[in-house]
Amino acid sequence: MLKLCIPCDSVARAVGADDLATALAREAEQRKLPLEIKRTSSRGLYWLEPLLELESAEGRLGFGPVAPQDVPSLLDALQGDASTHPLALGPVEELPYLKSQQRLLFARAGITRPLSLDDYRAHGGFEGLTRAIGQSGDDIVAAVLDSGLRGRGGAAFPAGIKWRTVRGAAAAQKYVVCNADEGDSGTFADRMLMEGDPFLLIEGMAIAGLAVGATMGYIYVRSEYPQSVDNLRAAIGIAREAGYLGANVGGSGRAFDLDVRVGAGAYICGEETALLDSLEGKRGVVRAKPPLPALQGLFGLPTLVHNVLTLASVPVILARGAQFYRDFGMGRSLGTMPFQLAGNIRHGGLVERAFGLSLRELVEGYGGGTASGRPLKAAQVGGPLGAWVPPSQFDTPLDYEAFAAMGAMLGHGGVVVADDSLDMAHMARFALQFCAEESCGKCTPCRIGSTRGVEVVDRLIAATDITAREEQALLLKDLCDTMTYGSLCALGGMTAFPVTSALKHFPADFGLETSEADQ
């Protein structure tokens, strides 16, 4: 019997994976050919989707991208010498893009079926939770502290310190909240994990609950991710039935349960306090700090808030030890990061590597340069509020401190690539317009500053002489300073990153001879 694997990831489905599976089943039936099709998660090699894999004695053999019209010739080849087919890729695990990665969070990506508990356990699933059950909450917190894990949502705050704070807070009820409102441009790691390996997030949240003394957790998912919502809800039900959630987690005598909440599409609800307001049924508005959510969070009670990748990092730390995790990375940036390549890129997809590789290695090595074939102009790292990094800085290591030193951030690991046809003045305007549209309106620098910023950029672009342009550029820089230091949260505070980096590195796009930074 032929055993084939086709991803059920939403990107693979969007480019025809479901049609491919249907065409294969129909053709096999007509040929009376025994065939088993498994719908797995995605490897994250998105330029090859739909990627079909054949289970063989030599491992998984890949073919892609495969279209329904390729099915007859493909089945002919699979019954003979599969390597002769034009779409044959050879052993998938040996593909350079995949072989050189260091996958900890995405170790099961493309291998397991998302809702198969047997598949998950067969590949190391729930080993971390099993070990956590045999430890005290203090020991679990100590392991997270020792691992050096930092929040993967952007701020890169040490996760263990949050855990210790919530654990030490005195309260009859505590919560664990997962921020799965993945709204940054070019990011898709959260979606991939929730769709393809939902038990990993469930396991990470259960460990967190046992560690800090929380009995209830919520996963706040953006409404644009319906497949993630469906898979999470189904996986939670399966995990609960198997005893990994509920009143007696894994026989520990301790309770922890989960539920999913769907956001209404507000970017600001990616900010933890606005998210908590939304969870409480209010309009998502940023709260002033203090008090910190770790002490007064959801419903005014101690709450551990992390994003998907942070919580999903926890099971491997408990299963294999803090030192194992610390062996990946550099400096204070430890562990691995799933970088996401998008935009004008030849080989878009997910690359999980330890911190420390360069942006050039990521964009040119893995990504293969621009899809258009034109010269690289820049890469925006860290979402719509991330800085535009020119090729002259592509050798900077992907490290939190190294990027902060040059006025940029890693954020959620999204990398959007652009060629030399992109107009950076219009991208600066877009950043300010985006902030104006997504602002919760609570603070003046963000609410008013972003609107005035759009007007300033328009005047700068429309100015007919260099003196007028330089005046508007100076005004724009001052406005960005006000937003950076006066805004209540990172939305207004970081909108300056794409604007000032565009001004600094691409002054010609604004009609300027030199950048403000050089004057």
Protein backbone atom coordinates (compact mmCIF):
# COMPACT_ATOMS: atom_id res chain seq x y z
CA MET A 1 0.00 0.00 0.00
CA LEU A 2 1.22 3.50 -0.83
CA LYS A 3 1.31 5.76 2.21
CA LEU A 4 1.27 9.45 1.39
CA CYS A 5 1.35 12.55 3.60
CA ILE A 6 -0.24 15.86 2.58
CA PRO A 7 -0.33 18.90 4.90
CA CYS A 8 -3.65 20.17 6.21
CA ASP A 9 -2.07 23.51 7.13
CA SER A 10 -4.17 26.48 5.95
CA VAL A 11 -1.43 27.76 3.62
CA ALA A 12 -1.12 24.34 1.98
CA ARG A 13 -4.91 24.17 1.68
CA ALA A 14 -5.01 27.66 0.17
CA VAL A 15 -2.76 26.53 -2.69
CA GLY A 16 -4.62 23.29 -3.38
CA ALA A 17 -3.73 20.60 -0.82
CA ASP A 18 -7.36 19.52 -0.37
CA ASP A 19 -7.88 19.29 -4.13
CA LEU A 20 -4.68 17.27 -4.40
CA ALA A 21 -5.82 14.80 -1.75
CA THR A 22 -9.18 14.39 -3.51
CA ALA A 23 -7.53 13.88 -6.90
CA LEU A 24 -5.15 11.26 -5.49
CA ALA A 25 -7.95 9.32 -3.81
CA ARG A 26 -10.08 9.39 -6.96
CA GLU A 27 -7.23 8.31 -9.28
CA ALA A 28 -6.16 5.52 -6.90
CA GLU A 29 -9.74 4.23 -6.73
CA GLN A 30 -9.97 4.14 -10.52
CA ARG A 31 -6.71 2.20 -10.66
CA LYS A 32 -7.75 -0.04 -7.77
CA LEU A 33 -4.50 1.00 -6.12
CA PRO A 34 -4.32 0.62 -2.31
CA LEU A 35 -3.59 4.08 -0.95
CA GLU A 36 -3.50 5.71 2.50
CA ILE A 37 -3.40 9.49 2.76
CA LYS A 38 -2.40 11.10 6.06
CA ARG A 39 -3.15 14.81 6.57
CA THR A 40 -0.21 16.09 8.57
CA SER A 41 1.03 19.45 9.74
CA SER A 42 3.26 21.49 7.43
CA ARG A 43 7.06 21.46 7.30
CA GLY A 44 6.93 25.21 6.77
CA LEU A 45 8.64 25.04 3.36
CA TYR A 46 5.89 27.13 1.85
CA TRP A 47 7.30 27.63 -1.64
CA LEU A 48 6.98 23.85 -2.09
CA GLU A 49 3.33 23.59 -1.02
CA PRO A 50 1.40 21.48 -1.64
CA LEU A 51 4.25 19.21 -0.56
CA LEU A 52 3.50 15.51 -0.91
CA GLU A 53 5.58 12.96 0.98
CA LEU A 54 5.86 9.23 0.37
CA GLU A 55 6.62 6.99 3.32
CA SER A 56 9.38 4.60 2.24
CA ALA A 57 12.11 2.41 3.68
CA GLU A 58 14.51 5.32 3.13
CA GLY A 59 12.28 7.75 5.04
CA ARG A 60 9.91 10.37 3.70
CA LEU A 61 10.46 11.19 0.00
CA GLY A 62 9.19 14.59 -1.09
CA PHE A 63 7.46 15.88 -4.22
CA GLY A 64 6.41 19.45 -4.76
CA PRO A 65 4.76 21.67 -5.42
CA VAL A 66 2.19 19.13 -6.66
CA ALA A 67 -0.99 20.09 -8.51
CA PRO A 68 -4.01 17.84 -9.18
CA GLN A 69 -3.02 17.53 -12.87
CA ASP A 70 0.28 15.96 -11.75
CA VAL A 71 -1.49 13.04 -10.06
CA PRO A 72 -1.53 10.48 -12.93
CA SER A 73 2.17 10.85 -13.73
CA LEU A 74 3.00 10.92 -10.03
CA LEU A 75 1.18 7.67 -9.29
CA ASP A 76 2.93 6.09 -12.26
CA ALA A 77 6.29 7.12 -10.77
CA LEU A 78 5.38 6.05 -7.23
CA GLN A 79 4.70 2.53 -8.47
CA GLY A 80 8.13 2.42 -10.08
CA ASP A 81 11.20 4.60 -9.60
CA ALA A 82 9.83 7.66 -7.79
CA SER A 83 13.10 9.58 -8.17
CA THR A 84 12.48 9.92 -11.91
CA HIS A 85 9.51 12.23 -11.51
CA PRO A 86 10.20 15.92 -12.35
CA LEU A 87 8.77 17.01 -8.98
CA ALA A 88 10.89 14.58 -6.96
CA LEU A 89 12.86 16.29 -4.18
CA GLY A 90 14.50 13.27 -2.58
CA PRO A 91 14.47 12.61 1.18
CA VAL A 92 12.71 15.58 2.78
CA GLU A 93 14.87 15.55 5.89
CA GLU A 94 17.96 15.97 3.67
CA LEU A 95 16.73 19.15 1.95
CA PRO A 96 19.32 21.84 2.83
CA TYR A 97 16.62 24.30 3.93
CA LEU A 98 15.37 21.81 6.51
CA LYS A 99 18.49 19.83 7.39
CA SER A 100 20.42 22.83 8.72
CA GLN A 101 17.63 23.96 11.05
CA GLN A 102 17.58 23.39 14.81
CA ARG A 103 13.97 22.60 15.45
CA LEU A 104 12.87 22.36 19.06
CA LEU A 105 9.40 23.92 18.91
CA PHE A 106 8.74 22.65 15.41
CA ALA A 107 10.36 19.23 15.78
CA ARG A 108 7.06 17.55 14.83
CA ALA A 109 6.18 19.97 11.99
CA GLY A 110 5.21 18.05 8.88
CA ILE A 111 5.58 14.70 10.65
CA THR A 112 2.55 14.27 12.90
CA ARG A 113 -1.19 14.58 12.42
CA PRO A 114 -2.37 17.64 14.39
CA LEU A 115 -5.11 15.94 16.40
CA SER A 116 -3.48 12.55 16.89
CA LEU A 117 -2.57 12.14 20.54
CA ASP A 118 -0.71 8.93 19.67
CA ASP A 119 1.43 10.78 17.12
CA TYR A 120 2.20 13.52 19.62
CA ARG A 121 3.23 11.10 22.38
CA ALA A 122 5.26 8.96 19.96
CA HIS A 123 7.40 12.02 19.23
CA GLY A 124 8.10 13.13 22.79
CA GLY A 125 4.79 14.73 23.61
CA PHE A 126 3.81 15.21 27.29
CA GLU A 127 7.26 14.16 28.53
CA GLY A 128 7.72 17.67 29.91
CA LEU A 129 4.37 17.64 31.71
CA THR A 130 5.07 14.19 33.14
CA ARG A 131 8.32 15.46 34.64
CA ALA A 132 6.68 18.64 35.88
CA ILE A 133 4.06 16.62 37.77
CA GLY A 134 6.84 15.07 39.84
CA GLN A 135 8.28 18.48 40.78
CA SER A 136 7.21 21.33 43.02
CA GLY A 137 6.07 24.62 41.54
CA ASP A 138 9.28 26.24 42.78
CA ASP A 139 11.37 23.64 40.95
CA ILE A 140 9.49 24.21 37.69
CA VAL A 141 9.92 27.98 37.99
CA ALA A 142 13.63 27.49 38.71
CA ALA A 143 14.01 25.41 35.53
CA VAL A 144 12.40 28.14 33.43
CA LEU A 145 14.61 30.76 35.08
CA ASP A 146 17.76 28.70 34.55
CA SER A 147 16.91 28.07 30.89
CA GLY A 148 17.19 31.75 30.05
CA LEU A 149 13.89 31.67 28.18
CA ARG A 150 12.70 35.16 27.26
CA GLY A 151 9.29 36.23 26.00
CA ARG A 152 8.96 35.70 22.27
CA GLY A 153 6.31 38.37 21.79
CA GLY A 154 8.68 41.29 21.30
CA ALA A 155 9.73 42.68 24.68
CA ALA A 156 11.98 39.67 25.39
CA PHE A 157 11.37 39.89 29.15
CA PRO A 158 12.81 36.92 31.11
CA ALA A 159 9.95 34.42 31.36
CA GLY A 160 11.08 32.93 34.67
CA ILE A 161 10.78 36.27 36.46
CA LYS A 162 7.13 36.50 35.40
CA TRP A 163 6.55 32.95 36.60
CA ARG A 164 8.19 33.64 39.96
CA THR A 165 6.11 36.79 40.44
CA VAL A 166 2.80 35.08 39.71
CA ARG A 167 3.71 32.08 41.87
CA GLY A 168 4.57 34.35 44.79
CA ALA A 169 1.35 36.36 44.53
CA ALA A 170 -1.23 35.52 47.19
CA ALA A 171 -4.64 34.84 45.67
CA ALA A 172 -7.34 32.20 45.74
CA GLN A 173 -7.51 32.17 41.93
CA LYS A 174 -4.80 32.67 39.30
CA TYR A 175 -4.81 32.46 35.52
CA VAL A 176 -2.55 31.60 32.59
CA VAL A 177 -3.35 33.54 29.43
CA CYS A 178 -1.89 32.80 26.01
CA ASN A 179 -1.66 35.75 23.66
CA ALA A 180 -2.31 34.12 20.30
CA ASP A 181 -3.40 37.36 18.63
CA GLU A 182 -0.64 37.05 16.01
CA GLY A 183 -1.14 40.23 14.00
CA ASP A 184 2.34 41.26 12.82
CA SER A 185 2.93 41.39 9.09
CA GLY A 186 4.93 38.43 7.82
CA THR A 187 4.38 36.28 10.91
CA PHE A 188 2.76 32.86 10.91
CA ALA A 189 4.63 30.71 13.46
CA ASP A 190 1.80 30.87 16.01
CA ARG A 191 -0.73 29.84 13.40
CA MET A 192 1.47 27.00 12.18
CA LEU A 193 1.90 25.68 15.71
CA MET A 194 -1.75 26.00 16.73
CA GLU A 195 -2.95 24.33 13.54
CA GLY A 196 -0.22 21.72 13.32
CA ASP A 197 0.86 20.90 16.90
CA PRO A 198 -1.84 22.16 19.28
CA PHE A 199 -0.98 19.68 22.03
CA LEU A 200 2.40 21.39 22.46
CA LEU A 201 0.75 24.67 23.45
CA ILE A 202 -1.68 22.81 25.72
CA GLU A 203 1.22 21.01 27.41
CA GLY A 204 3.16 24.25 27.91
CA MET A 205 0.16 25.98 29.46
CA ALA A 206 -0.56 23.01 31.76
CA ILE A 207 3.04 23.11 33.01
CA ALA A 208 2.73 26.85 33.58
CA GLY A 209 -0.50 26.34 35.51
CA LEU A 210 1.08 23.75 37.81
CA ALA A 211 4.11 26.00 38.32
CA VAL A 212 2.34 29.22 39.30
CA GLY A 213 -0.70 27.71 41.00
CA ALA A 214 -3.25 28.65 38.32
CA THR A 215 -6.25 26.40 37.75
CA MET A 216 -7.60 28.01 34.59
CA GLY A 217 -6.09 29.16 31.32
CA TYR A 218 -7.37 31.01 28.25
CA ILE A 219 -6.01 31.06 24.72
CA TYR A 220 -6.91 34.34 23.02
CA VAL A 221 -6.86 33.68 19.26
CA ARG A 222 -7.39 36.20 16.50
CA SER A 223 -10.62 35.75 14.54
CA GLU A 224 -8.67 35.48 11.27
CA TYR A 225 -7.43 32.04 12.39
CA PRO A 226 -10.57 29.85 12.26
CA GLN A 227 -8.62 26.62 11.67
CA SER A 228 -6.43 27.34 14.70
CA VAL A 229 -9.54 27.89 16.82
CA ASP A 230 -11.14 24.64 15.63
CA ASN A 231 -7.96 22.58 16.16
CA LEU A 232 -7.30 24.02 19.60
CA ARG A 233 -10.83 23.35 20.79
CA ALA A 234 -10.71 19.80 19.47
CA ALA A 235 -7.25 19.19 20.99
CA ILE A 236 -8.34 20.58 24.36
CA GLY A 237 -11.25 18.12 24.39
CA ILE A 238 -8.93 15.22 23.51
CA ALA A 239 -6.37 16.24 26.16
CA ARG A 240 -9.09 16.62 28.78
CA GLU A 241 -10.50 13.18 28.01
CA ALA A 242 -6.99 11.70 28.27
CA GLY A 243 -6.49 13.27 31.71
CA TYR A 244 -3.96 15.93 30.75
CA LEU A 245 -6.43 18.68 31.64
CA GLY A 246 -9.17 18.91 34.24
CA ALA A 247 -9.47 18.35 37.97
CA ASN A 248 -6.56 15.90 38.21
CA VAL A 249 -3.87 16.77 35.66
CA GLY A 250 -1.91 13.64 34.85
CA GLY A 251 -2.81 12.13 38.23
CA SER A 252 -1.07 14.98 40.05
CA GLY A 253 -4.02 15.87 42.25
CA ARG A 254 -3.80 19.42 40.87
CA ALA A 255 -6.33 21.07 38.59
CA PHE A 256 -5.84 23.01 35.38
CA ASP A 257 -8.22 23.51 32.50
CA LEU A 258 -8.26 25.51 29.28
CA ASP A 259 -10.67 27.40 27.07
CA VAL A 260 -10.38 29.33 23.80
CA ARG A 261 -11.55 32.91 23.28
CA VAL A 262 -11.70 34.56 19.86
CA GLY A 263 -10.69 38.19 19.39
CA ALA A 264 -12.55 40.61 17.14
CA GLY A 265 -9.60 41.70 15.01
CA ALA A 266 -8.06 44.62 16.94
CA TYR A 267 -4.28 44.81 16.58
CA ILE A 268 -4.03 46.60 19.93
CA CYS A 269 -5.32 43.45 21.65
CA GLY A 270 -1.91 41.95 21.02
CA GLU A 271 -0.80 44.21 23.90
CA GLU A 272 -1.25 42.16 27.06
CA THR A 273 -3.38 44.57 29.09
CA ALA A 274 -5.69 45.42 26.18
CA LEU A 275 -6.01 41.66 25.62
CA LEU A 276 -7.05 41.19 29.25
CA ASP A 277 -9.70 43.91 28.90
CA SER A 278 -11.02 42.13 25.80
CA LEU A 279 -11.09 38.80 27.65
CA GLU A 280 -13.18 40.47 30.34
CA GLY A 281 -15.72 41.53 27.71
CA LYS A 282 -14.61 45.15 27.50
CA ARG A 283 -13.25 47.19 24.61
CA GLY A 284 -9.54 46.47 24.26
CA VAL A 285 -7.83 49.50 25.80
CA VAL A 286 -4.29 49.61 27.17
CA ARG A 287 -4.03 49.75 30.96
CA ALA A 288 -1.48 51.87 32.76
CA LYS A 289 1.19 49.92 34.67
CA PRO A 290 1.61 49.35 37.56
CA PRO A 291 -0.14 47.25 38.64
CA LEU A 292 1.44 44.52 36.55
CA PRO A 293 -0.76 41.73 35.15
CA ALA A 294 1.37 39.27 37.12
CA LEU A 295 -0.19 40.76 40.27
CA GLN A 296 -3.48 42.20 39.03
CA GLY A 297 -4.35 40.82 35.62
CA LEU A 298 -7.48 39.04 34.42
CA PHE A 299 -10.42 40.07 36.63
CA GLY A 300 -7.88 41.81 38.87
CA LEU A 301 -6.18 38.52 39.82
CA PRO A 302 -2.58 37.31 39.31
CA THR A 303 -2.16 36.32 35.66
CA LEU A 304 0.72 34.84 33.70
CA VAL A 305 0.54 36.25 30.16
CA HIS A 306 2.78 34.84 27.41
CA ASN A 307 2.58 34.42 23.68
CA VAL A 308 2.34 31.07 21.88
CA LEU A 309 6.04 30.54 21.20
CA THR A 310 7.04 31.28 24.80
CA LEU A 311 4.62 28.76 26.28
CA ALA A 312 5.43 26.21 23.58
CA SER A 313 9.12 26.43 24.55
CA VAL A 314 8.43 25.18 28.06
CA PRO A 315 7.83 21.43 27.44
CA VAL A 316 11.29 20.86 25.93
CA ILE A 317 12.89 22.71 28.86
CA LEU A 318 11.17 20.41 31.37
CA ALA A 319 11.71 17.29 29.27
CA ARG A 320 15.39 17.79 28.44
CA GLY A 321 16.59 20.20 31.11
CA ALA A 322 17.43 23.88 31.37
CA GLN A 323 21.05 23.33 30.36
CA PHE A 324 20.03 21.61 27.13
CA TYR A 325 18.01 24.69 26.20
CA ARG A 326 20.77 27.10 27.24
CA ASP A 327 23.21 25.38 24.89
CA PHE A 328 21.38 27.04 22.00
CA GLY A 329 21.85 30.75 21.29
CA MET A 330 24.29 33.48 22.24
CA GLY A 331 24.73 36.02 25.03
CA ARG A 332 21.42 36.61 26.77
CA SER A 333 19.46 35.39 23.75
CA LEU A 334 19.15 31.70 24.50
CA GLY A 335 17.26 28.86 22.87
CA THR A 336 15.89 28.88 19.35
CA MET A 337 13.66 31.27 17.44
CA PRO A 338 11.27 30.35 14.61
CA PHE A 339 12.03 33.06 12.06
CA GLN A 340 9.40 33.58 9.39
CA LEU A 341 10.41 34.62 5.88
CA ALA A 342 7.79 36.50 3.89
CA GLY A 343 7.34 39.31 1.40
CA ASN A 344 9.37 39.43 -1.80
CA ILE A 345 11.31 36.25 -1.04
CA ARG A 346 12.08 33.27 -3.27
CA HIS A 347 11.85 30.60 -0.56
CA GLY A 348 9.33 31.83 1.96
CA GLY A 349 8.76 29.72 5.04
CA LEU A 350 9.70 28.97 8.61
CA VAL A 351 13.33 28.69 9.76
CA GLU A 352 13.94 27.65 13.37
CA ARG A 353 17.51 28.30 14.40
CA ALA A 354 19.39 29.24 17.55
CA PHE A 355 19.91 32.97 18.08
CA GLY A 356 23.11 34.22 16.52
CA LEU A 357 22.79 33.49 12.82
CA SER A 358 22.92 36.58 10.63
CA LEU A 359 20.09 38.22 8.77
CA ARG A 360 22.08 37.66 5.57
CA GLU A 361 22.21 33.93 6.22
CA LEU A 362 18.47 33.95 6.78
CA VAL A 363 17.42 36.12 3.81
CA GLU A 364 20.01 35.13 1.23
CA GLY A 365 20.95 31.64 2.44
CA TYR A 366 17.57 30.20 3.37
CA GLY A 367 15.38 32.65 1.49
CA GLY A 368 17.39 32.66 -1.72
CA GLY A 369 17.02 36.41 -2.20
CA THR A 370 14.07 38.17 -3.77
CA ALA A 371 11.35 36.36 -5.67
CA SER A 372 11.45 39.10 -8.31
CA GLY A 373 15.16 38.61 -8.92
CA ARG A 374 15.77 42.31 -8.34
CA PRO A 375 18.40 43.53 -5.83
CA LEU A 376 17.52 43.47 -2.13
CA LYS A 377 16.63 46.85 -0.72
CA ALA A 378 15.76 46.05 2.90
CA ALA A 379 14.08 43.66 5.29
CA GLN A 380 11.58 44.73 7.92
CA VAL A 381 12.21 42.66 11.02
CA GLY A 382 9.67 42.42 13.81
CA GLY A 383 6.35 43.26 12.18
CA PRO A 384 4.78 46.56 11.07
CA LEU A 385 6.51 48.36 13.97
CA GLY A 386 9.91 46.89 13.12
CA ALA A 387 12.82 48.80 11.63
CA TRP A 388 13.81 48.58 7.99
CA VAL A 389 17.26 46.98 7.92
CA PRO A 390 19.42 47.68 4.82
CA PRO A 391 21.76 45.03 3.32
CA SER A 392 24.74 46.87 4.83
CA GLN A 393 23.52 45.66 8.25
CA PHE A 394 22.53 42.13 7.18
CA ASP A 395 25.61 40.65 8.90
CA THR A 396 24.27 41.70 12.31
CA PRO A 397 23.56 38.57 14.39
CA LEU A 398 19.91 37.87 15.13
CA ASP A 399 20.17 38.62 18.83
CA TYR A 400 17.95 40.81 21.01
CA GLU A 401 20.78 43.05 22.23
CA ALA A 402 22.53 43.35 18.85
CA PHE A 403 19.31 44.51 17.20
CA ALA A 404 18.44 46.90 20.02
CA ALA A 405 21.89 48.47 19.67
CA MET A 406 21.13 49.47 16.09
CA GLY A 407 17.63 50.77 16.84
CA ALA A 408 15.73 47.67 15.75
CA MET A 409 14.00 44.66 17.32
CA LEU A 410 13.46 41.00 16.61
CA GLY A 411 9.86 41.04 17.80
CA HIS A 412 8.00 37.88 16.89
CA GLY A 413 10.62 36.84 14.35
CA GLY A 414 8.85 37.97 11.18
CA VAL A 415 11.12 39.06 8.32
CA VAL A 416 9.47 40.83 5.38
CA VAL A 417 11.83 41.22 2.42
CA ALA A 418 11.67 44.00 -0.19
CA ASP A 419 13.50 44.63 -3.45
CA ASP A 420 14.78 47.94 -4.81
CA SER A 421 11.40 48.89 -6.27
CA LEU A 422 9.90 49.62 -2.84
CA ASP A 423 9.33 53.29 -1.95
CA MET A 424 10.37 53.77 1.68
CA ALA A 425 8.64 57.15 2.02
CA HIS A 426 5.32 55.43 1.36
CA MET A 427 6.23 52.67 3.83
CA ALA A 428 6.94 55.30 6.51
CA ARG A 429 3.53 56.82 5.80
CA PHE A 430 1.94 53.36 6.00
CA ALA A 431 3.46 52.76 9.47
CA LEU A 432 1.96 55.98 10.81
CA GLN A 433 -1.40 55.34 9.13
CA PHE A 434 -1.43 51.81 10.56
CA CYS A 435 -0.83 53.22 14.05
CA ALA A 436 -3.59 55.80 13.60
CA GLU A 437 -6.08 53.13 12.55
CA GLU A 438 -5.14 50.61 15.23
CA SER A 439 -4.62 52.93 18.21
CA CYS A 440 -6.92 52.30 21.17
CA GLY A 441 -7.05 56.08 21.61
CA LYS A 442 -6.14 56.20 25.28
CA CYS A 443 -2.95 58.27 25.03
CA THR A 444 -2.40 61.47 23.06
CA PRO A 445 1.06 60.76 21.55
CA CYS A 446 -0.25 57.64 19.82
CA ARG A 447 -3.78 58.81 19.01
CA ILE A 448 -2.89 62.29 17.72
CA GLY A 449 0.80 61.85 16.92
CA SER A 450 0.18 59.12 14.35
CA THR A 451 -2.44 61.21 12.55
CA ARG A 452 -0.19 64.28 12.50
CA GLY A 453 2.64 62.03 11.33
CA VAL A 454 0.73 61.00 8.22
CA GLU A 455 0.18 64.67 7.43
CA VAL A 456 3.87 65.49 7.90
CA VAL A 457 4.98 62.68 5.59
CA ASP A 458 2.49 63.87 2.96
CA ARG A 459 3.91 67.39 3.18
CA LEU A 460 7.45 66.04 3.03
CA ILE A 461 6.74 64.03 -0.12
CA ALA A 462 4.87 66.95 -1.75
CA ALA A 463 7.54 69.59 -0.94
CA THR A 464 9.23 70.98 -4.06
CA ASP A 465 12.50 72.26 -2.58
CA ILE A 466 15.12 70.71 -0.33
CA THR A 467 14.76 73.29 2.44
CA ALA A 468 11.04 72.55 2.88
CA ARG A 469 11.73 68.82 2.83
CA GLU A 470 14.42 69.12 5.50
CA GLU A 471 12.08 71.16 7.71
CA GLN A 472 9.39 68.49 7.44
CA ALA A 473 11.93 65.71 8.04
CA LEU A 474 13.12 67.42 11.23
CA LEU A 475 9.51 67.86 12.36
CA LEU A 476 8.84 64.17 11.64
CA LYS A 477 11.86 63.14 13.70
CA ASP A 478 10.73 65.28 16.64
CA LEU A 479 7.23 63.82 16.40
CA CYS A 480 8.69 60.29 16.43
CA ASP A 481 10.65 61.15 19.59
CA THR A 482 7.44 62.32 21.25
CA MET A 483 5.63 59.11 20.30
CA THR A 484 8.55 56.94 21.43
CA TYR A 485 8.91 58.46 24.89
CA GLY A 486 5.34 59.60 25.53
CA SER A 487 3.14 56.71 24.39
CA LEU A 488 1.51 54.40 26.91
CA CYS A 489 2.37 51.18 25.09
CA ALA A 490 4.55 49.81 22.31
CA LEU A 491 2.09 50.59 19.50
CA GLY A 492 2.79 54.31 19.65
CA GLY A 493 6.22 53.85 21.17
CA MET A 494 7.57 51.69 18.36
CA THR A 495 5.85 53.23 15.36
CA ALA A 496 8.94 55.42 15.11
CA PHE A 497 11.14 52.40 14.26
CA PRO A 498 10.03 51.94 10.63
CA VAL A 499 9.76 55.70 10.10
CA THR A 500 13.16 56.76 11.43
CA SER A 501 14.96 53.76 9.92
CA ALA A 502 13.49 54.60 6.51
CA LEU A 503 14.61 58.23 6.90
CA LYS A 504 18.07 57.20 8.04
CA HIS A 505 18.90 54.55 5.47
CA PHE A 506 16.85 55.66 2.45
CA PRO A 507 16.80 59.50 2.45
CA ALA A 508 16.61 59.62 -1.36
CA ASP A 509 13.12 58.08 -1.22
CA PHE A 510 12.02 61.19 0.69
CA GLY A 511 13.79 63.54 -1.70
CA LEU A 512 16.50 64.22 0.89
CA GLU A 513 20.21 64.39 0.14
CA THR A 514 21.24 63.21 3.60
CA SER A 515 19.39 61.62 6.47
CA GLU A 516 18.44 63.45 9.63
CA ALA A 517 20.69 61.08 11.58
CA ASP A 518 23.71 62.33 9.64
CA GLN A 519 23.03 66.03 10.16
